[in-house]
Protein backbone atom coordinates (compact mmCIF):
# COMPACT_ATOMS: atom_id res chain seq x y z
CA UNK A 1 0.00 0.00 0.00
CA UNK A 2 1.35 3.40 -0.95
CA UNK A 3 1.69 5.64 2.10
CA UNK A 4 2.29 8.78 0.07
CA UNK A 5 -0.02 11.62 0.93
CA UNK A 6 -1.76 14.11 -1.28
CA UNK A 7 -1.19 17.83 -0.97
CA UNK A 8 -4.09 20.11 -1.73
CA UNK A 9 -4.64 23.83 -1.54
CA UNK A 10 -7.53 24.98 0.65
CA UNK A 11 -7.99 28.75 0.93
CA UNK A 12 -4.39 29.24 -0.17
CA UNK A 13 -2.88 26.89 2.43
CA UNK A 14 -1.27 23.58 1.56
CA UNK A 15 -3.12 20.73 3.29
CA UNK A 16 -1.62 17.26 3.71
CA UNK A 17 -4.45 14.84 2.82
CA UNK A 18 -4.58 11.21 3.92
CA UNK A 19 -6.72 8.29 2.84
CA UNK A 20 -9.06 6.79 5.43
CA UNK A 21 -6.72 3.79 5.63
CA UNK A 22 -3.72 6.02 6.39
CA UNK A 23 -5.77 7.90 9.00
CA UNK A 24 -6.79 4.58 10.57
CA UNK A 25 -3.12 3.60 10.97
CA UNK A 26 -2.35 6.87 12.76
CA UNK A 27 -5.41 6.48 15.00
CA UNK A 28 -4.80 2.79 15.61
CA UNK A 29 -8.34 2.04 14.48
CA UNK A 30 -10.14 0.43 11.58
CA UNK A 31 -10.71 2.19 8.28
CA UNK A 32 -14.45 1.83 8.88
CA UNK A 33 -14.11 3.73 12.17
CA UNK A 34 -12.49 6.61 10.27
CA UNK A 35 -15.33 6.52 7.71
CA UNK A 36 -17.83 6.58 10.60
CA UNK A 37 -16.03 9.60 12.13
CA UNK A 38 -16.29 11.36 8.79
CA UNK A 39 -19.97 10.51 8.37
CA UNK A 40 -20.77 11.70 11.89
CA UNK A 41 -19.04 15.04 11.25
CA UNK A 42 -16.34 14.34 13.85
CA UNK A 43 -13.58 14.31 11.26
CA UNK A 44 -13.78 16.79 8.36
CA UNK A 45 -13.07 15.36 4.92
CA UNK A 46 -13.05 16.18 1.24
CA UNK A 47 -13.88 13.87 -1.64
CA UNK A 48 -11.12 13.39 -4.21
CA UNK A 49 -12.51 11.41 -7.11
CA UNK A 50 -14.69 8.91 -5.24
CA UNK A 51 -12.56 8.65 -2.09
CA UNK A 52 -12.64 10.51 1.21
CA UNK A 53 -9.48 12.36 2.18
CA UNK A 54 -8.81 13.81 5.62
CA UNK A 55 -6.20 16.33 6.67
CA UNK A 56 -3.20 15.05 8.57
CA UNK A 57 -3.62 17.95 11.03
CA UNK A 58 -7.20 16.89 11.90
CA UNK A 59 -6.19 13.24 12.30
CA UNK A 60 -3.22 14.11 14.51
CA UNK A 61 -5.41 16.39 16.64
CA UNK A 62 -7.89 13.55 17.06
CA UNK A 63 -5.07 11.10 17.88
CA UNK A 64 -3.63 13.55 20.40
CA UNK A 65 -6.92 13.80 22.21
CA UNK A 66 -7.64 17.36 21.11
CA UNK A 67 -11.38 17.72 21.27
CA UNK A 68 -13.03 19.02 18.11
CA UNK A 69 -15.59 21.71 18.83
CA UNK A 70 -19.22 21.02 18.02
CA UNK A 71 -21.22 23.40 15.84
CA UNK A 72 -22.94 24.84 18.94
CA UNK A 73 -19.56 25.40 20.61
CA UNK A 74 -18.17 27.14 17.52
CA UNK A 75 -21.32 29.28 17.36
CA UNK A 76 -20.96 30.26 21.03
CA UNK A 77 -17.30 31.12 20.36
CA UNK A 78 -18.35 33.56 17.64
CA UNK A 79 -20.87 35.12 20.02
CA UNK A 80 -18.17 35.18 22.71
CA UNK A 81 -15.94 37.25 20.43
CA UNK A 82 -18.76 39.75 19.92
CA UNK A 83 -19.43 39.94 23.67
CA UNK A 84 -15.71 40.37 24.37
CA UNK A 85 -15.74 43.35 22.02
CA UNK A 86 -18.60 44.87 23.98
CA UNK A 87 -16.81 44.04 27.25
CA UNK A 88 -13.75 46.10 26.37
CA UNK A 89 -15.92 48.96 25.04
CA UNK A 90 -18.48 49.03 27.87
CA UNK A 91 -17.13 46.96 30.79
CA UNK A 92 -19.45 48.31 33.50
CA UNK A 93 -22.59 47.67 31.43
CA UNK A 94 -21.59 44.15 30.36
CA UNK A 95 -20.50 43.10 33.86
CA UNK A 96 -23.63 44.51 35.55
CA UNK A 97 -25.95 42.85 33.03
CA UNK A 98 -24.15 39.52 33.47
CA UNK A 99 -24.42 39.80 37.27
CA UNK A 100 -28.20 40.33 37.01
CA UNK A 101 -28.48 37.33 34.71
CA UNK A 102 -26.46 35.18 37.12
CA UNK A 103 -28.87 36.04 39.94
CA UNK A 104 -31.82 35.04 37.76
CA UNK A 105 -30.09 31.78 36.80
CA UNK A 106 -29.29 30.98 40.44
CA UNK A 107 -33.02 31.06 41.20
CA UNK A 108 -33.71 28.54 38.45
CA UNK A 109 -30.61 26.31 38.70
CA UNK A 110 -29.62 25.55 42.27
CA UNK A 111 -27.34 22.61 41.44
CA UNK A 112 -25.71 20.78 38.57
CA UNK A 113 -23.60 22.08 35.72
CA UNK A 114 -25.57 25.32 35.16
CA UNK A 115 -25.18 26.26 38.85
CA UNK A 116 -21.44 25.49 38.78
CA UNK A 117 -21.06 27.53 35.59
CA UNK A 118 -22.82 30.54 37.16
CA UNK A 119 -20.47 30.36 40.16
CA UNK A 120 -17.44 30.32 37.85
CA UNK A 121 -18.83 33.23 35.81
CA UNK A 122 -19.49 35.19 39.02
CA UNK A 123 -15.85 34.70 40.03
CA UNK A 124 -14.66 35.79 36.58
CA UNK A 125 -16.84 38.92 36.75
CA UNK A 126 -15.04 39.88 39.98
CA UNK A 127 -11.59 39.46 38.47
CA UNK A 128 -9.57 41.23 35.81
CA UNK A 129 -11.46 42.06 32.61
CA UNK A 130 -8.66 40.45 30.58
CA UNK A 131 -9.29 37.09 32.26
CA UNK A 132 -13.02 37.33 31.53
CA UNK A 133 -12.33 38.28 27.90
CA UNK A 134 -9.91 35.35 27.58
CA UNK A 135 -12.65 32.88 28.57
CA UNK A 136 -15.10 34.47 26.12
CA UNK A 137 -12.73 33.88 23.18
CA UNK A 138 -10.84 30.75 24.26
CA UNK A 139 -11.03 27.47 22.35
CA UNK A 140 -10.05 25.54 25.50
CA UNK A 141 -12.55 22.80 26.40
CA UNK A 142 -13.25 24.36 29.82
CA UNK A 143 -14.05 27.76 28.29
CA UNK A 144 -16.15 26.15 25.59
CA UNK A 145 -18.15 24.25 28.21
CA UNK A 146 -18.54 27.38 30.32
CA UNK A 147 -19.93 29.38 27.38
CA UNK A 148 -22.72 26.81 27.02
CA UNK A 149 -24.14 28.30 30.26
CA UNK A 150 -23.49 31.96 29.56
CA UNK A 151 -24.78 34.87 31.67
CA UNK A 152 -24.42 37.28 28.74
CA UNK A 153 -27.95 37.09 27.35
CA UNK A 154 -29.08 40.56 26.34
CA UNK A 155 -25.54 41.92 25.98
CA UNK A 156 -25.84 42.03 22.19
CA UNK A 157 -28.68 43.83 20.46
CA UNK A 158 -30.83 41.68 18.21
CA UNK A 159 -29.17 43.26 15.18
CA UNK A 160 -25.66 42.55 16.56
CA UNK A 161 -26.59 38.99 17.42
CA UNK A 162 -28.18 38.28 14.04
CA UNK A 163 -25.20 39.83 12.23
CA UNK A 164 -22.75 37.60 14.12
CA UNK A 165 -24.87 34.49 13.52
CA UNK A 166 -25.25 35.27 9.81
CA UNK A 167 -21.47 35.65 9.52
CA UNK A 168 -21.01 32.37 11.40
CA UNK A 169 -23.44 30.58 9.05
CA UNK A 170 -21.70 31.97 5.99
CA UNK A 171 -18.28 30.94 7.29
CA UNK A 172 -19.57 27.48 8.28
CA UNK A 173 -20.83 26.87 4.74
CA UNK A 174 -17.40 27.77 3.36
CA UNK A 175 -15.40 25.57 5.72
CA UNK A 176 -17.60 22.51 6.26
C-alpha atoms as a PDB file:
ATOM      1  CA  UNK A   1       0.000   0.000   0.000  1.00  0.00           C
ATOM      2  CA  UNK A   2       1.348   3.397  -0.952  1.00  0.00           C
ATOM      3  CA  UNK A   3       1.693   5.641   2.102  1.00  0.00           C
ATOM      4  CA  UNK A   4       2.288   8.783   0.068  1.00  0.00           C
ATOM      5  CA  UNK A   5      -0.024  11.622   0.932  1.00  0.00           C
ATOM      6  CA  UNK A   6      -1.760  14.113  -1.285  1.00  0.00           C
ATOM      7  CA  UNK A   7      -1.189  17.826  -0.970  1.00  0.00           C
ATOM      8  CA  UNK A   8      -4.089  20.108  -1.727  1.00  0.00           C
ATOM      9  CA  UNK A   9      -4.644  23.834  -1.538  1.00  0.00           C
ATOM     10  CA  UNK A  10      -7.526  24.982   0.649  1.00  0.00           C
ATOM     11  CA  UNK A  11      -7.995  28.755   0.934  1.00  0.00           C
ATOM     12  CA  UNK A  12      -4.385  29.242  -0.170  1.00  0.00           C
ATOM     13  CA  UNK A  13      -2.884  26.888   2.427  1.00  0.00           C
ATOM     14  CA  UNK A  14      -1.269  23.576   1.558  1.00  0.00           C
ATOM     15  CA  UNK A  15      -3.117  20.732   3.286  1.00  0.00           C
ATOM     16  CA  UNK A  16      -1.615  17.265   3.709  1.00  0.00           C
ATOM     17  CA  UNK A  17      -4.451  14.844   2.825  1.00  0.00           C
ATOM     18  CA  UNK A  18      -4.583  11.214   3.916  1.00  0.00           C
ATOM     19  CA  UNK A  19      -6.719   8.291   2.835  1.00  0.00           C
ATOM     20  CA  UNK A  20      -9.064   6.795   5.433  1.00  0.00           C
ATOM     21  CA  UNK A  21      -6.720   3.790   5.629  1.00  0.00           C
ATOM     22  CA  UNK A  22      -3.725   6.016   6.390  1.00  0.00           C
ATOM     23  CA  UNK A  23      -5.771   7.900   8.996  1.00  0.00           C
ATOM     24  CA  UNK A  24      -6.786   4.579  10.570  1.00  0.00           C
ATOM     25  CA  UNK A  25      -3.120   3.598  10.975  1.00  0.00           C
ATOM     26  CA  UNK A  26      -2.350   6.867  12.756  1.00  0.00           C
ATOM     27  CA  UNK A  27      -5.405   6.483  15.001  1.00  0.00           C
ATOM     28  CA  UNK A  28      -4.799   2.786  15.615  1.00  0.00           C
ATOM     29  CA  UNK A  29      -8.342   2.037  14.476  1.00  0.00           C
ATOM     30  CA  UNK A  30     -10.140   0.434  11.575  1.00  0.00           C
ATOM     31  CA  UNK A  31     -10.709   2.192   8.284  1.00  0.00           C
ATOM     32  CA  UNK A  32     -14.446   1.833   8.877  1.00  0.00           C
ATOM     33  CA  UNK A  33     -14.113   3.729  12.172  1.00  0.00           C
ATOM     34  CA  UNK A  34     -12.494   6.612  10.275  1.00  0.00           C
ATOM     35  CA  UNK A  35     -15.330   6.517   7.713  1.00  0.00           C
ATOM     36  CA  UNK A  36     -17.826   6.581  10.605  1.00  0.00           C
ATOM     37  CA  UNK A  37     -16.032   9.602  12.134  1.00  0.00           C
ATOM     38  CA  UNK A  38     -16.285  11.362   8.786  1.00  0.00           C
ATOM     39  CA  UNK A  39     -19.971  10.513   8.365  1.00  0.00           C
ATOM     40  CA  UNK A  40     -20.769  11.704  11.891  1.00  0.00           C
ATOM     41  CA  UNK A  41     -19.037  15.037  11.255  1.00  0.00           C
ATOM     42  CA  UNK A  42     -16.345  14.345  13.848  1.00  0.00           C
ATOM     43  CA  UNK A  43     -13.576  14.310  11.256  1.00  0.00           C
ATOM     44  CA  UNK A  44     -13.777  16.792   8.356  1.00  0.00           C
ATOM     45  CA  UNK A  45     -13.066  15.364   4.923  1.00  0.00           C
ATOM     46  CA  UNK A  46     -13.047  16.183   1.239  1.00  0.00           C
ATOM     47  CA  UNK A  47     -13.877  13.870  -1.642  1.00  0.00           C
ATOM     48  CA  UNK A  48     -11.119  13.386  -4.205  1.00  0.00           C
ATOM     49  CA  UNK A  49     -12.510  11.405  -7.107  1.00  0.00           C
ATOM     50  CA  UNK A  50     -14.686   8.914  -5.242  1.00  0.00           C
ATOM     51  CA  UNK A  51     -12.561   8.651  -2.086  1.00  0.00           C
ATOM     52  CA  UNK A  52     -12.636  10.510   1.211  1.00  0.00           C
ATOM     53  CA  UNK A  53      -9.477  12.362   2.181  1.00  0.00           C
ATOM     54  CA  UNK A  54      -8.808  13.814   5.620  1.00  0.00           C
ATOM     55  CA  UNK A  55      -6.203  16.332   6.668  1.00  0.00           C
ATOM     56  CA  UNK A  56      -3.199  15.048   8.572  1.00  0.00           C
ATOM     57  CA  UNK A  57      -3.621  17.947  11.033  1.00  0.00           C
ATOM     58  CA  UNK A  58      -7.201  16.890  11.901  1.00  0.00           C
ATOM     59  CA  UNK A  59      -6.186  13.239  12.297  1.00  0.00           C
ATOM     60  CA  UNK A  60      -3.219  14.108  14.508  1.00  0.00           C
ATOM     61  CA  UNK A  61      -5.405  16.387  16.636  1.00  0.00           C
ATOM     62  CA  UNK A  62      -7.885  13.548  17.060  1.00  0.00           C
ATOM     63  CA  UNK A  63      -5.074  11.102  17.877  1.00  0.00           C
ATOM     64  CA  UNK A  64      -3.626  13.555  20.399  1.00  0.00           C
ATOM     65  CA  UNK A  65      -6.917  13.803  22.215  1.00  0.00           C
ATOM     66  CA  UNK A  66      -7.636  17.358  21.111  1.00  0.00           C
ATOM     67  CA  UNK A  67     -11.379  17.718  21.268  1.00  0.00           C
ATOM     68  CA  UNK A  68     -13.035  19.017  18.110  1.00  0.00           C
ATOM     69  CA  UNK A  69     -15.592  21.715  18.826  1.00  0.00           C
ATOM     70  CA  UNK A  70     -19.217  21.021  18.022  1.00  0.00           C
ATOM     71  CA  UNK A  71     -21.218  23.397  15.843  1.00  0.00           C
ATOM     72  CA  UNK A  72     -22.935  24.844  18.941  1.00  0.00           C
ATOM     73  CA  UNK A  73     -19.564  25.402  20.608  1.00  0.00           C
ATOM     74  CA  UNK A  74     -18.165  27.140  17.519  1.00  0.00           C
ATOM     75  CA  UNK A  75     -21.316  29.278  17.362  1.00  0.00           C
ATOM     76  CA  UNK A  76     -20.960  30.258  21.031  1.00  0.00           C
ATOM     77  CA  UNK A  77     -17.300  31.116  20.359  1.00  0.00           C
ATOM     78  CA  UNK A  78     -18.350  33.560  17.641  1.00  0.00           C
ATOM     79  CA  UNK A  79     -20.873  35.125  20.020  1.00  0.00           C
ATOM     80  CA  UNK A  80     -18.167  35.176  22.707  1.00  0.00           C
ATOM     81  CA  UNK A  81     -15.937  37.248  20.430  1.00  0.00           C
ATOM     82  CA  UNK A  82     -18.755  39.754  19.923  1.00  0.00           C
ATOM     83  CA  UNK A  83     -19.434  39.944  23.667  1.00  0.00           C
ATOM     84  CA  UNK A  84     -15.708  40.368  24.369  1.00  0.00           C
ATOM     85  CA  UNK A  85     -15.741  43.352  22.015  1.00  0.00           C
ATOM     86  CA  UNK A  86     -18.599  44.871  23.983  1.00  0.00           C
ATOM     87  CA  UNK A  87     -16.811  44.045  27.249  1.00  0.00           C
ATOM     88  CA  UNK A  88     -13.754  46.099  26.365  1.00  0.00           C
ATOM     89  CA  UNK A  89     -15.917  48.959  25.040  1.00  0.00           C
ATOM     90  CA  UNK A  90     -18.479  49.029  27.873  1.00  0.00           C
ATOM     91  CA  UNK A  91     -17.131  46.958  30.791  1.00  0.00           C
ATOM     92  CA  UNK A  92     -19.453  48.305  33.499  1.00  0.00           C
ATOM     93  CA  UNK A  93     -22.593  47.675  31.429  1.00  0.00           C
ATOM     94  CA  UNK A  94     -21.586  44.150  30.360  1.00  0.00           C
ATOM     95  CA  UNK A  95     -20.505  43.100  33.859  1.00  0.00           C
ATOM     96  CA  UNK A  96     -23.629  44.506  35.549  1.00  0.00           C
ATOM     97  CA  UNK A  97     -25.954  42.851  33.031  1.00  0.00           C
ATOM     98  CA  UNK A  98     -24.152  39.522  33.472  1.00  0.00           C
ATOM     99  CA  UNK A  99     -24.420  39.795  37.271  1.00  0.00           C
ATOM    100  CA  UNK A 100     -28.196  40.333  37.014  1.00  0.00           C
ATOM    101  CA  UNK A 101     -28.479  37.327  34.706  1.00  0.00           C
ATOM    102  CA  UNK A 102     -26.462  35.184  37.119  1.00  0.00           C
ATOM    103  CA  UNK A 103     -28.868  36.044  39.945  1.00  0.00           C
ATOM    104  CA  UNK A 104     -31.815  35.043  37.756  1.00  0.00           C
ATOM    105  CA  UNK A 105     -30.093  31.784  36.800  1.00  0.00           C
ATOM    106  CA  UNK A 106     -29.289  30.975  40.436  1.00  0.00           C
ATOM    107  CA  UNK A 107     -33.023  31.064  41.200  1.00  0.00           C
ATOM    108  CA  UNK A 108     -33.709  28.537  38.446  1.00  0.00           C
ATOM    109  CA  UNK A 109     -30.609  26.309  38.695  1.00  0.00           C
ATOM    110  CA  UNK A 110     -29.617  25.550  42.268  1.00  0.00           C
ATOM    111  CA  UNK A 111     -27.343  22.609  41.435  1.00  0.00           C
ATOM    112  CA  UNK A 112     -25.710  20.779  38.571  1.00  0.00           C
ATOM    113  CA  UNK A 113     -23.598  22.080  35.716  1.00  0.00           C
ATOM    114  CA  UNK A 114     -25.574  25.319  35.158  1.00  0.00           C
ATOM    115  CA  UNK A 115     -25.183  26.262  38.848  1.00  0.00           C
ATOM    116  CA  UNK A 116     -21.445  25.493  38.784  1.00  0.00           C
ATOM    117  CA  UNK A 117     -21.065  27.531  35.594  1.00  0.00           C
ATOM    118  CA  UNK A 118     -22.818  30.535  37.155  1.00  0.00           C
ATOM    119  CA  UNK A 119     -20.471  30.363  40.163  1.00  0.00           C
ATOM    120  CA  UNK A 120     -17.441  30.317  37.853  1.00  0.00           C
ATOM    121  CA  UNK A 121     -18.827  33.233  35.812  1.00  0.00           C
ATOM    122  CA  UNK A 122     -19.491  35.193  39.024  1.00  0.00           C
ATOM    123  CA  UNK A 123     -15.847  34.703  40.033  1.00  0.00           C
ATOM    124  CA  UNK A 124     -14.663  35.788  36.578  1.00  0.00           C
ATOM    125  CA  UNK A 125     -16.839  38.922  36.749  1.00  0.00           C
ATOM    126  CA  UNK A 126     -15.042  39.883  39.984  1.00  0.00           C
ATOM    127  CA  UNK A 127     -11.592  39.459  38.466  1.00  0.00           C
ATOM    128  CA  UNK A 128      -9.572  41.232  35.812  1.00  0.00           C
ATOM    129  CA  UNK A 129     -11.457  42.064  32.611  1.00  0.00           C
ATOM    130  CA  UNK A 130      -8.661  40.454  30.581  1.00  0.00           C
ATOM    131  CA  UNK A 131      -9.289  37.092  32.258  1.00  0.00           C
ATOM    132  CA  UNK A 132     -13.015  37.332  31.531  1.00  0.00           C
ATOM    133  CA  UNK A 133     -12.329  38.278  27.901  1.00  0.00           C
ATOM    134  CA  UNK A 134      -9.908  35.346  27.583  1.00  0.00           C
ATOM    135  CA  UNK A 135     -12.654  32.881  28.565  1.00  0.00           C
ATOM    136  CA  UNK A 136     -15.098  34.466  26.124  1.00  0.00           C
ATOM    137  CA  UNK A 137     -12.727  33.878  23.178  1.00  0.00           C
ATOM    138  CA  UNK A 138     -10.837  30.754  24.261  1.00  0.00           C
ATOM    139  CA  UNK A 139     -11.034  27.468  22.348  1.00  0.00           C
ATOM    140  CA  UNK A 140     -10.049  25.543  25.501  1.00  0.00           C
ATOM    141  CA  UNK A 141     -12.550  22.804  26.403  1.00  0.00           C
ATOM    142  CA  UNK A 142     -13.251  24.355  29.822  1.00  0.00           C
ATOM    143  CA  UNK A 143     -14.046  27.763  28.293  1.00  0.00           C
ATOM    144  CA  UNK A 144     -16.153  26.151  25.592  1.00  0.00           C
ATOM    145  CA  UNK A 145     -18.152  24.246  28.208  1.00  0.00           C
ATOM    146  CA  UNK A 146     -18.542  27.377  30.318  1.00  0.00           C
ATOM    147  CA  UNK A 147     -19.928  29.377  27.379  1.00  0.00           C
ATOM    148  CA  UNK A 148     -22.724  26.813  27.023  1.00  0.00           C
ATOM    149  CA  UNK A 149     -24.139  28.297  30.256  1.00  0.00           C
ATOM    150  CA  UNK A 150     -23.492  31.959  29.560  1.00  0.00           C
ATOM    151  CA  UNK A 151     -24.778  34.869  31.670  1.00  0.00           C
ATOM    152  CA  UNK A 152     -24.423  37.276  28.739  1.00  0.00           C
ATOM    153  CA  UNK A 153     -27.954  37.095  27.353  1.00  0.00           C
ATOM    154  CA  UNK A 154     -29.080  40.561  26.342  1.00  0.00           C
ATOM    155  CA  UNK A 155     -25.538  41.915  25.983  1.00  0.00           C
ATOM    156  CA  UNK A 156     -25.843  42.033  22.195  1.00  0.00           C
ATOM    157  CA  UNK A 157     -28.680  43.829  20.455  1.00  0.00           C
ATOM    158  CA  UNK A 158     -30.833  41.677  18.213  1.00  0.00           C
ATOM    159  CA  UNK A 159     -29.169  43.261  15.182  1.00  0.00           C
ATOM    160  CA  UNK A 160     -25.660  42.554  16.557  1.00  0.00           C
ATOM    161  CA  UNK A 161     -26.587  38.988  17.416  1.00  0.00           C
ATOM    162  CA  UNK A 162     -28.184  38.276  14.039  1.00  0.00           C
ATOM    163  CA  UNK A 163     -25.200  39.827  12.227  1.00  0.00           C
ATOM    164  CA  UNK A 164     -22.748  37.602  14.123  1.00  0.00           C
ATOM    165  CA  UNK A 165     -24.866  34.494  13.525  1.00  0.00           C
ATOM    166  CA  UNK A 166     -25.249  35.272   9.812  1.00  0.00           C
ATOM    167  CA  UNK A 167     -21.466  35.653   9.516  1.00  0.00           C
ATOM    168  CA  UNK A 168     -21.012  32.366  11.396  1.00  0.00           C
ATOM    169  CA  UNK A 169     -23.437  30.577   9.051  1.00  0.00           C
ATOM    170  CA  UNK A 170     -21.703  31.968   5.987  1.00  0.00           C
ATOM    171  CA  UNK A 171     -18.281  30.944   7.288  1.00  0.00           C
ATOM    172  CA  UNK A 172     -19.570  27.482   8.279  1.00  0.00           C
ATOM    173  CA  UNK A 173     -20.831  26.870   4.745  1.00  0.00           C
ATOM    174  CA  UNK A 174     -17.401  27.774   3.359  1.00  0.00           C
ATOM    175  CA  UNK A 175     -15.403  25.567   5.721  1.00  0.00           C
ATOM    176  CA  UNK A 176     -17.601  22.514   6.261  1.00  0.00           C
END
